[in-house]
Amino acid sequence: IDDVAKEAKTLAGKGYEAPKSNLPSAFRDMKYADYQQIQFNHDKAYWNNQKTPFKLEFYHQGMYFDTPVTINEVTATSVRKIKYSPDYFNFGNVQHDKDTVKDLGFAGFKVLYPINSKDKNDEIVSMLGASYFRVLGQGQVYGLSARGLAIDTALPSGEEFPRFREFWIERPKATDKRLTIYALLDSPRATGAYRFVIMPGRDTVVDVQSKVYLRDKVGKLGVAPLTSMFLFGSNQPSPTLNYRPALHDSNGLSIL
């Protein structure tokens, strides 16, 4: 994490540069249903040809996921950028010109691991959008999300959303039961270096270490924030008839 922290500290000493989108309008203006058609080709999962229980798959850019993130693979001898290719993806009915997306870059990534069955890789981690990430244990479905950092949440000035701009993922060995990911965070008023150690199991645990550097004063700094959404459910039914019995990320809050 110290290497990433040096980058974050140097970045904090410079003026903020907003990320530039390289996304063609056909992808930027697409609807959610169209974006859902773009699926990663499971046969091309990263590390498929490596003797490791962990695999990587990537998210394509589209809709509001319109800024590329850099994803690097770290081994004992090298650091290598994982290059985007449209061949990683099945585009469904989405019309696109391969020449316009050949150097597009990824929106994020997910981690797969045989958490529920020894002969099947299931998704256990998703990192997509701003500094959001989600994690699954055995037999679970996604609920609330975690975030790297929250700035000025619910203040009249408006919330600032830091984003992970670059990741470094250590290639695990065949016997490894944990995965280590490093991330560089950036925003107008803060930068940060993060180290995630993911330990999948019945209760998947993520050990997070972070070093945050401020560019400017912050009204409210949220460390280790969690975020969720609720529209209706069994404890607060929908005011209008709906074919779905519930619509939420989380059904309630329990503090123990």
C-alpha atoms as a PDB file:
ATOM      1  CA  ILE A   1       0.000   0.000   0.000  1.00  0.00           C
ATOM      2  CA  ASP A   2       2.941   2.336   0.529  1.00  0.00           C
ATOM      3  CA  ASP A   3       3.631   2.484  -3.220  1.00  0.00           C
ATOM      4  CA  VAL A   4       0.028   3.438  -3.937  1.00  0.00           C
ATOM      5  CA  ALA A   5       0.093   5.916  -1.040  1.00  0.00           C
ATOM      6  CA  LYS A   6       3.038   7.721  -2.654  1.00  0.00           C
ATOM      7  CA  GLU A   7       0.973   8.137  -5.811  1.00  0.00           C
ATOM      8  CA  ALA A   8      -2.037   9.340  -3.819  1.00  0.00           C
ATOM      9  CA  LYS A   9       0.048  11.861  -1.865  1.00  0.00           C
ATOM     10  CA  THR A  10       1.651  13.197  -5.041  1.00  0.00           C
ATOM     11  CA  LEU A  11      -1.760  13.418  -6.682  1.00  0.00           C
ATOM     12  CA  ALA A  12      -3.163  15.351  -3.703  1.00  0.00           C
ATOM     13  CA  GLY A  13      -0.453  17.977  -4.180  1.00  0.00           C
ATOM     14  CA  LYS A  14      -1.659  18.685  -7.696  1.00  0.00           C
ATOM     15  CA  GLY A  15      -4.853  20.283  -8.948  1.00  0.00           C
ATOM     16  CA  TYR A  16      -7.745  17.915  -9.574  1.00  0.00           C
ATOM     17  CA  GLU A  17      -8.273  16.817 -13.155  1.00  0.00           C
ATOM     18  CA  ALA A  18     -11.751  15.497 -13.890  1.00  0.00           C
ATOM     19  CA  PRO A  19     -11.707  12.135 -15.689  1.00  0.00           C
ATOM     20  CA  LYS A  20     -12.396  12.283 -19.396  1.00  0.00           C
ATOM     21  CA  SER A  21     -14.938   9.982 -20.997  1.00  0.00           C
ATOM     22  CA  ASN A  22     -13.969   8.203 -24.207  1.00  0.00           C
ATOM     23  CA  LEU A  23     -17.351   6.532 -24.588  1.00  0.00           C
ATOM     24  CA  PRO A  24     -19.166   6.647 -27.952  1.00  0.00           C
ATOM     25  CA  SER A  25     -22.668   8.131 -27.736  1.00  0.00           C
ATOM     26  CA  ALA A  26     -24.239   4.784 -28.639  1.00  0.00           C
ATOM     27  CA  PHE A  27     -23.017   3.428 -25.300  1.00  0.00           C
ATOM     28  CA  ARG A  28     -23.338   6.606 -23.229  1.00  0.00           C
ATOM     29  CA  ASP A  29     -27.008   7.135 -24.183  1.00  0.00           C
ATOM     30  CA  MET A  30     -28.116   3.516 -23.871  1.00  0.00           C
ATOM     31  CA  LYS A  31     -30.907   2.411 -21.517  1.00  0.00           C
ATOM     32  CA  TYR A  32     -30.450   0.007 -18.613  1.00  0.00           C
ATOM     33  CA  ALA A  33     -31.977  -2.897 -20.540  1.00  0.00           C
ATOM     34  CA  ASP A  34     -29.490  -2.349 -23.362  1.00  0.00           C
ATOM     35  CA  TYR A  35     -26.556  -2.195 -20.962  1.00  0.00           C
ATOM     36  CA  GLN A  36     -27.672  -5.474 -19.409  1.00  0.00           C
ATOM     37  CA  GLN A  37     -27.288  -7.123 -22.816  1.00  0.00           C
ATOM     38  CA  ILE A  38     -23.529  -6.595 -22.684  1.00  0.00           C
ATOM     39  CA  GLN A  39     -22.312  -9.686 -20.863  1.00  0.00           C
ATOM     40  CA  PHE A  40     -18.797 -10.878 -20.201  1.00  0.00           C
ATOM     41  CA  ASN A  41     -17.873 -14.084 -22.020  1.00  0.00           C
ATOM     42  CA  HIS A  42     -17.280 -16.507 -19.125  1.00  0.00           C
ATOM     43  CA  ASP A  43     -15.002 -18.677 -21.255  1.00  0.00           C
ATOM     44  CA  LYS A  44     -12.565 -15.752 -21.398  1.00  0.00           C
ATOM     45  CA  ALA A  45     -12.361 -15.064 -17.667  1.00  0.00           C
ATOM     46  CA  TYR A  46      -8.965 -13.729 -16.674  1.00  0.00           C
ATOM     47  CA  TRP A  47      -6.761 -16.386 -15.028  1.00  0.00           C
ATOM     48  CA  ASN A  48      -8.845 -19.131 -16.656  1.00  0.00           C
ATOM     49  CA  ASN A  49      -5.556 -20.656 -17.808  1.00  0.00           C
ATOM     50  CA  GLN A  50      -3.862 -20.190 -14.431  1.00  0.00           C
ATOM     51  CA  LYS A  51      -3.874 -22.606 -11.522  1.00  0.00           C
ATOM     52  CA  THR A  52      -5.711 -20.316  -9.123  1.00  0.00           C
ATOM     53  CA  PRO A  53      -9.198 -20.602  -7.600  1.00  0.00           C
ATOM     54  CA  PHE A  54      -9.871 -16.904  -8.289  1.00  0.00           C
ATOM     55  CA  LYS A  55     -10.988 -15.575 -11.680  1.00  0.00           C
ATOM     56  CA  LEU A  56     -11.588 -12.036 -12.951  1.00  0.00           C
ATOM     57  CA  GLU A  57     -14.308 -10.742 -15.250  1.00  0.00           C
ATOM     58  CA  PHE A  58     -14.749  -7.151 -16.396  1.00  0.00           C
ATOM     59  CA  TYR A  59     -17.562  -4.645 -16.788  1.00  0.00           C
ATOM     60  CA  HIS A  60     -18.035  -2.832 -20.065  1.00  0.00           C
ATOM     61  CA  GLN A  61     -18.550   0.912 -20.122  1.00  0.00           C
ATOM     62  CA  GLY A  62     -22.079   2.146 -20.750  1.00  0.00           C
ATOM     63  CA  MET A  63     -24.800   4.497 -19.418  1.00  0.00           C
ATOM     64  CA  TYR A  64     -23.369   6.426 -16.430  1.00  0.00           C
ATOM     65  CA  PHE A  65     -20.425   4.022 -16.225  1.00  0.00           C
ATOM     66  CA  ASP A  66     -18.737   6.231 -18.789  1.00  0.00           C
ATOM     67  CA  THR A  67     -15.170   6.608 -17.518  1.00  0.00           C
ATOM     68  CA  PRO A  68     -12.477   3.942 -17.890  1.00  0.00           C
ATOM     69  CA  VAL A  69     -10.509   2.600 -14.934  1.00  0.00           C
ATOM     70  CA  THR A  70      -7.033   1.145 -15.237  1.00  0.00           C
ATOM     71  CA  ILE A  71      -6.711  -2.460 -14.016  1.00  0.00           C
ATOM     72  CA  ASN A  72      -3.272  -3.997 -13.481  1.00  0.00           C
ATOM     73  CA  GLU A  73      -2.121  -7.526 -12.707  1.00  0.00           C
ATOM     74  CA  VAL A  74       0.698  -7.866 -10.177  1.00  0.00           C
ATOM     75  CA  THR A  75       3.009 -10.891 -10.078  1.00  0.00           C
ATOM     76  CA  ALA A  76       6.237 -11.556  -8.201  1.00  0.00           C
ATOM     77  CA  THR A  77       8.249 -10.152 -11.102  1.00  0.00           C
ATOM     78  CA  SER A  78       6.051  -7.655 -12.944  1.00  0.00           C
ATOM     79  CA  VAL A  79       3.146  -5.218 -13.036  1.00  0.00           C
ATOM     80  CA  ARG A  80       1.124  -5.429 -16.237  1.00  0.00           C
ATOM     81  CA  LYS A  81      -1.890  -3.463 -17.421  1.00  0.00           C
ATOM     82  CA  ILE A  82      -4.823  -5.681 -18.386  1.00  0.00           C
ATOM     83  CA  LYS A  83      -5.806  -4.487 -21.832  1.00  0.00           C
ATOM     84  CA  TYR A  84      -9.405  -4.045 -22.915  1.00  0.00           C
ATOM     85  CA  SER A  85     -10.695  -6.034 -25.879  1.00  0.00           C
ATOM     86  CA  PRO A  86     -14.249  -6.138 -27.238  1.00  0.00           C
ATOM     87  CA  ASP A  87     -13.679  -9.874 -27.699  1.00  0.00           C
ATOM     88  CA  TYR A  88     -14.131 -10.281 -23.946  1.00  0.00           C
ATOM     89  CA  PHE A  89     -17.828  -9.421 -24.311  1.00  0.00           C
ATOM     90  CA  ASN A  90     -21.070 -10.638 -25.853  1.00  0.00           C
ATOM     91  CA  PHE A  91     -22.966  -7.536 -26.997  1.00  0.00           C
ATOM     92  CA  GLY A  92     -26.380  -9.088 -27.604  1.00  0.00           C
ATOM     93  CA  ASN A  93     -28.422  -6.814 -29.851  1.00  0.00           C
ATOM     94  CA  VAL A  94     -26.320  -3.738 -29.091  1.00  0.00           C
ATOM     95  CA  GLN A  95     -25.075  -2.307 -32.378  1.00  0.00           C
ATOM     96  CA  HIS A  96     -21.461  -1.123 -32.228  1.00  0.00           C
ATOM     97  CA  ASP A  97     -18.442  -0.475 -34.379  1.00  0.00           C
ATOM     98  CA  LYS A  98     -15.467  -2.507 -33.146  1.00  0.00           C
ATOM     99  CA  ASP A  99     -13.065   0.204 -34.337  1.00  0.00           C
ATOM    100  CA  THR A 100     -14.652   2.779 -32.000  1.00  0.00           C
ATOM    101  CA  VAL A 101     -14.347   0.574 -28.916  1.00  0.00           C
ATOM    102  CA  LYS A 102     -11.039  -1.223 -29.485  1.00  0.00           C
ATOM    103  CA  ASP A 103      -9.184   0.967 -26.936  1.00  0.00           C
ATOM    104  CA  LEU A 104     -12.151   1.766 -24.717  1.00  0.00           C
ATOM    105  CA  GLY A 105     -11.050   0.411 -21.332  1.00  0.00           C
ATOM    106  CA  PHE A 106     -13.098  -1.256 -18.605  1.00  0.00           C
ATOM    107  CA  ALA A 107     -15.689   0.281 -16.270  1.00  0.00           C
ATOM    108  CA  GLY A 108     -14.825  -2.088 -13.413  1.00  0.00           C
ATOM    109  CA  PHE A 109     -14.418  -5.755 -12.566  1.00  0.00           C
ATOM    110  CA  LYS A 110     -15.771  -8.685 -10.590  1.00  0.00           C
ATOM    111  CA  VAL A 111     -14.067 -11.567  -8.797  1.00  0.00           C
ATOM    112  CA  LEU A 112     -15.247 -15.181  -9.102  1.00  0.00           C
ATOM    113  CA  TYR A 113     -14.466 -18.038  -6.713  1.00  0.00           C
ATOM    114  CA  PRO A 114     -15.897 -21.551  -6.072  1.00  0.00           C
ATOM    115  CA  ILE A 115     -17.603 -20.388  -2.892  1.00  0.00           C
ATOM    116  CA  ASN A 116     -20.802 -22.458  -3.141  1.00  0.00           C
ATOM    117  CA  SER A 117     -19.561 -25.477  -5.100  1.00  0.00           C
ATOM    118  CA  LYS A 118     -16.087 -26.801  -5.867  1.00  0.00           C
ATOM    119  CA  ASP A 119     -16.875 -27.188  -9.571  1.00  0.00           C
ATOM    120  CA  LYS A 120     -18.519 -23.797 -10.158  1.00  0.00           C
ATOM    121  CA  ASN A 121     -17.142 -20.260  -9.955  1.00  0.00           C
ATOM    122  CA  ASP A 122     -19.575 -17.755  -8.471  1.00  0.00           C
ATOM    123  CA  GLU A 123     -19.270 -14.001  -8.184  1.00  0.00           C
ATOM    124  CA  ILE A 124     -18.015 -12.888  -4.760  1.00  0.00           C
ATOM    125  CA  VAL A 125     -16.875  -9.274  -5.345  1.00  0.00           C
ATOM    126  CA  SER A 126     -18.035  -6.467  -7.626  1.00  0.00           C
ATOM    127  CA  MET A 127     -16.213  -3.138  -8.045  1.00  0.00           C
ATOM    128  CA  LEU A 128     -18.121  -0.804 -10.340  1.00  0.00           C
ATOM    129  CA  GLY A 129     -18.842   2.920 -10.259  1.00  0.00           C
ATOM    130  CA  ALA A 130     -17.267   5.695  -8.126  1.00  0.00           C
ATOM    131  CA  SER A 131     -15.759   3.920  -5.083  1.00  0.00           C
ATOM    132  CA  TYR A 132     -18.546   1.353  -4.698  1.00  0.00           C
ATOM    133  CA  PHE A 133     -17.859  -2.313  -3.992  1.00  0.00           C
ATOM    134  CA  ARG A 134     -20.038  -5.269  -2.974  1.00  0.00           C
ATOM    135  CA  VAL A 135     -19.196  -8.647  -1.481  1.00  0.00           C
ATOM    136  CA  LEU A 136     -20.976 -12.007  -1.147  1.00  0.00           C
ATOM    137  CA  GLY A 137     -20.686 -14.917   1.267  1.00  0.00           C
ATOM    138  CA  GLN A 138     -21.917 -18.481   0.722  1.00  0.00           C
ATOM    139  CA  GLY A 139     -25.495 -18.690  -0.570  1.00  0.00           C
ATOM    140  CA  GLN A 140     -26.009 -14.931  -0.488  1.00  0.00           C
ATOM    141  CA  VAL A 141     -27.369 -12.362  -2.933  1.00  0.00           C
ATOM    142  CA  TYR A 142     -26.255  -8.755  -3.149  1.00  0.00           C
ATOM    143  CA  GLY A 143     -27.717  -6.234  -0.710  1.00  0.00           C
ATOM    144  CA  LEU A 144     -26.112  -3.020   0.433  1.00  0.00           C
ATOM    145  CA  SER A 145     -22.838  -1.679  -0.992  1.00  0.00           C
ATOM    146  CA  ALA A 146     -19.705  -0.358   0.657  1.00  0.00           C
ATOM    147  CA  ARG A 147     -17.781   2.700  -0.539  1.00  0.00           C
ATOM    148  CA  GLY A 148     -14.170   3.735  -0.280  1.00  0.00           C
ATOM    149  CA  LEU A 149     -14.972   7.227   0.985  1.00  0.00           C
ATOM    150  CA  ALA A 150     -17.946   9.572   1.366  1.00  0.00           C
ATOM    151  CA  ILE A 151     -17.631  13.361   1.267  1.00  0.00           C
ATOM    152  CA  ASP A 152     -20.315  15.817   2.425  1.00  0.00           C
ATOM    153  CA  THR A 153     -23.165  13.312   2.362  1.00  0.00           C
ATOM    154  CA  ALA A 154     -26.580  14.998   2.904  1.00  0.00           C
ATOM    155  CA  LEU A 155     -25.071  18.490   3.222  1.00  0.00           C
ATOM    156  CA  PRO A 156     -26.683  21.473   1.450  1.00  0.00           C
ATOM    157  CA  SER A 157     -23.503  21.937  -0.585  1.00  0.00           C
ATOM    158  CA  GLY A 158     -24.094  18.582  -2.257  1.00  0.00           C
ATOM    159  CA  GLU A 159     -22.238  15.292  -2.049  1.00  0.00           C
ATOM    160  CA  GLU A 160     -18.891  14.607  -3.683  1.00  0.00           C
ATOM    161  CA  PHE A 161     -18.315  11.121  -5.041  1.00  0.00           C
ATOM    162  CA  PRO A 162     -14.664   9.991  -5.055  1.00  0.00           C
ATOM    163  CA  ARG A 163     -13.787   7.294  -7.563  1.00  0.00           C
ATOM    164  CA  PHE A 164     -11.274   4.502  -7.810  1.00  0.00           C
ATOM    165  CA  ARG A 165      -9.259   5.397 -10.898  1.00  0.00           C
ATOM    166  CA  GLU A 166      -6.739   2.533 -10.887  1.00  0.00           C
ATOM    167  CA  PHE A 167      -6.486  -0.984  -9.452  1.00  0.00           C
ATOM    168  CA  TRP A 168      -3.618  -3.414  -8.906  1.00  0.00           C
ATOM    169  CA  ILE A 169      -4.647  -7.055  -8.371  1.00  0.00           C
ATOM    170  CA  GLU A 170      -2.152  -9.610  -7.114  1.00  0.00           C
ATOM    171  CA  ARG A 171      -2.293 -12.870  -9.043  1.00  0.00           C
ATOM    172  CA  PRO A 172      -3.017 -15.538  -6.410  1.00  0.00           C
ATOM    173  CA  LYS A 173      -1.291 -18.911  -6.265  1.00  0.00           C
ATOM    174  CA  ALA A 174      -3.122 -22.222  -6.603  1.00  0.00           C
ATOM    175  CA  THR A 175      -3.278 -22.719  -2.835  1.00  0.00           C
ATOM    176  CA  ASP A 176      -4.220 -19.128  -1.911  1.00  0.00           C
ATOM    177  CA  LYS A 177      -7.482 -18.639  -0.041  1.00  0.00           C
ATOM    178  CA  ARG A 178      -7.401 -14.853  -0.182  1.00  0.00           C
ATOM    179  CA  LEU A 179      -7.070 -12.178  -2.863  1.00  0.00           C
ATOM    180  CA  THR A 180      -5.299  -8.823  -2.455  1.00  0.00           C
ATOM    181  CA  ILE A 181      -6.373  -5.733  -4.388  1.00  0.00           C
ATOM    182  CA  TYR A 182      -4.892  -2.229  -4.244  1.00  0.00           C
ATOM    183  CA  ALA A 183      -6.715   0.876  -5.437  1.00  0.00           C
ATOM    184  CA  LEU A 184      -5.979   4.559  -6.062  1.00  0.00           C
ATOM    185  CA  LEU A 185      -8.849   6.913  -5.194  1.00  0.00           C
ATOM    186  CA  ASP A 186      -9.295  10.438  -6.561  1.00  0.00           C
ATOM    187  CA  SER A 187     -11.778  13.304  -6.194  1.00  0.00           C
ATOM    188  CA  PRO A 188     -11.754  17.124  -6.189  1.00  0.00           C
ATOM    189  CA  ARG A 189     -10.940  17.315  -2.463  1.00  0.00           C
ATOM    190  CA  ALA A 190      -9.302  13.988  -1.583  1.00  0.00           C
ATOM    191  CA  THR A 191      -7.099  11.175  -2.794  1.00  0.00           C
ATOM    192  CA  GLY A 192      -6.451   7.810  -1.198  1.00  0.00           C
ATOM    193  CA  ALA A 193      -4.610   4.503  -1.283  1.00  0.00           C
ATOM    194  CA  TYR A 194      -6.515   1.319  -0.454  1.00  0.00           C
ATOM    195  CA  ARG A 195      -5.607  -2.295   0.230  1.00  0.00           C
ATOM    196  CA  PHE A 196      -8.379  -4.916   0.156  1.00  0.00           C
ATOM    197  CA  VAL A 197      -7.687  -8.449   1.360  1.00  0.00           C
ATOM    198  CA  ILE A 198     -10.680 -10.617   0.391  1.00  0.00           C
ATOM    199  CA  MET A 199     -11.243 -13.849   2.317  1.00  0.00           C
ATOM    200  CA  PRO A 200     -14.206 -15.769   0.836  1.00  0.00           C
ATOM    201  CA  GLY A 201     -16.192 -18.207   2.951  1.00  0.00           C
ATOM    202  CA  ARG A 202     -19.497 -18.737   4.734  1.00  0.00           C
ATOM    203  CA  ASP A 203     -19.019 -15.171   5.920  1.00  0.00           C
ATOM    204  CA  THR A 204     -16.787 -13.435   3.394  1.00  0.00           C
ATOM    205  CA  VAL A 205     -14.479 -10.955   5.097  1.00  0.00           C
ATOM    206  CA  VAL A 206     -12.735  -7.960   3.516  1.00  0.00           C
ATOM    207  CA  ASP A 207      -9.852  -6.457   5.460  1.00  0.00           C
ATOM    208  CA  VAL A 208      -9.481  -2.848   4.271  1.00  0.00           C
ATOM    209  CA  GLN A 209      -6.550  -0.546   4.934  1.00  0.00           C
ATOM    210  CA  SER A 210      -6.621   3.012   3.627  1.00  0.00           C
ATOM    211  CA  LYS A 211      -4.536   6.170   3.616  1.00  0.00           C
ATOM    212  CA  VAL A 212      -6.457   9.337   2.716  1.00  0.00           C
ATOM    213  CA  TYR A 213      -4.992  12.711   1.730  1.00  0.00           C
ATOM    214  CA  LEU A 214      -7.073  15.893   1.541  1.00  0.00           C
ATOM    215  CA  ARG A 215      -6.658  18.476  -1.202  1.00  0.00           C
ATOM    216  CA  ASP A 216      -9.055  20.902   0.471  1.00  0.00           C
ATOM    217  CA  LYS A 217     -11.345  21.256   3.468  1.00  0.00           C
ATOM    218  CA  VAL A 218     -14.197  18.775   3.783  1.00  0.00           C
ATOM    219  CA  GLY A 219     -17.450  19.422   5.670  1.00  0.00           C
ATOM    220  CA  LYS A 220     -18.176  15.774   6.502  1.00  0.00           C
ATOM    221  CA  LEU A 221     -15.851  12.840   5.858  1.00  0.00           C
ATOM    222  CA  GLY A 222     -17.397   9.362   5.802  1.00  0.00           C
ATOM    223  CA  VAL A 223     -14.896   6.573   6.523  1.00  0.00           C
ATOM    224  CA  ALA A 224     -15.945   2.977   5.731  1.00  0.00           C
ATOM    225  CA  PRO A 225     -19.405   4.098   4.512  1.00  0.00           C
ATOM    226  CA  LEU A 226     -22.207   1.697   3.612  1.00  0.00           C
ATOM    227  CA  THR A 227     -24.995   2.624   1.234  1.00  0.00           C
ATOM    228  CA  SER A 228     -28.330   1.008   0.433  1.00  0.00           C
ATOM    229  CA  MET A 229     -31.730   1.728  -1.094  1.00  0.00           C
ATOM    230  CA  PHE A 230     -35.325   0.930  -0.129  1.00  0.00           C
ATOM    231  CA  LEU A 231     -38.523   1.583  -2.080  1.00  0.00           C
ATOM    232  CA  PHE A 232     -40.972  -0.856  -0.497  1.00  0.00           C
ATOM    233  CA  GLY A 233     -41.116  -4.210   1.260  1.00  0.00           C
ATOM    234  CA  SER A 234     -42.955  -6.305   3.841  1.00  0.00           C
ATOM    235  CA  ASN A 235     -42.539  -3.712   6.581  1.00  0.00           C
ATOM    236  CA  GLN A 236     -43.570  -0.828   4.329  1.00  0.00           C
ATOM    237  CA  PRO A 237     -45.707  -2.028   1.391  1.00  0.00           C
ATOM    238  CA  SER A 238     -45.950  -0.209  -1.913  1.00  0.00           C
ATOM    239  CA  PRO A 239     -48.713   2.453  -1.936  1.00  0.00           C
ATOM    240  CA  THR A 240     -49.756   1.221  -5.384  1.00  0.00           C
ATOM    241  CA  LEU A 241     -50.307  -2.295  -6.698  1.00  0.00           C
ATOM    242  CA  ASN A 242     -47.040  -3.888  -7.816  1.00  0.00           C
ATOM    243  CA  TYR A 243     -46.335  -7.401  -9.042  1.00  0.00           C
ATOM    244  CA  ARG A 244     -43.107  -7.435  -7.012  1.00  0.00           C
ATOM    245  CA  PRO A 245     -43.522  -8.137  -3.274  1.00  0.00           C
ATOM    246  CA  ALA A 246     -40.473  -6.016  -2.418  1.00  0.00           C
ATOM    247  CA  LEU A 247     -38.017  -3.661  -4.074  1.00  0.00           C
ATOM    248  CA  HIS A 248     -34.920  -2.798  -2.077  1.00  0.00           C
ATOM    249  CA  ASP A 249     -31.241  -3.472  -1.484  1.00  0.00           C
ATOM    250  CA  SER A 250     -31.765  -3.884   2.265  1.00  0.00           C
ATOM    251  CA  ASN A 251     -34.940  -4.650   4.211  1.00  0.00           C
ATOM    252  CA  GLY A 252     -33.860  -2.894   7.403  1.00  0.00           C
ATOM    253  CA  LEU A 253     -30.989  -1.851   9.640  1.00  0.00           C
ATOM    254  CA  SER A 254     -29.748  -3.850  12.622  1.00  0.00           C
ATOM    255  CA  ILE A 255     -26.966  -2.483  14.828  1.00  0.00           C
ATOM    256  CA  LEU A 256     -25.553  -5.062  17.234  1.00  0.00           C
END
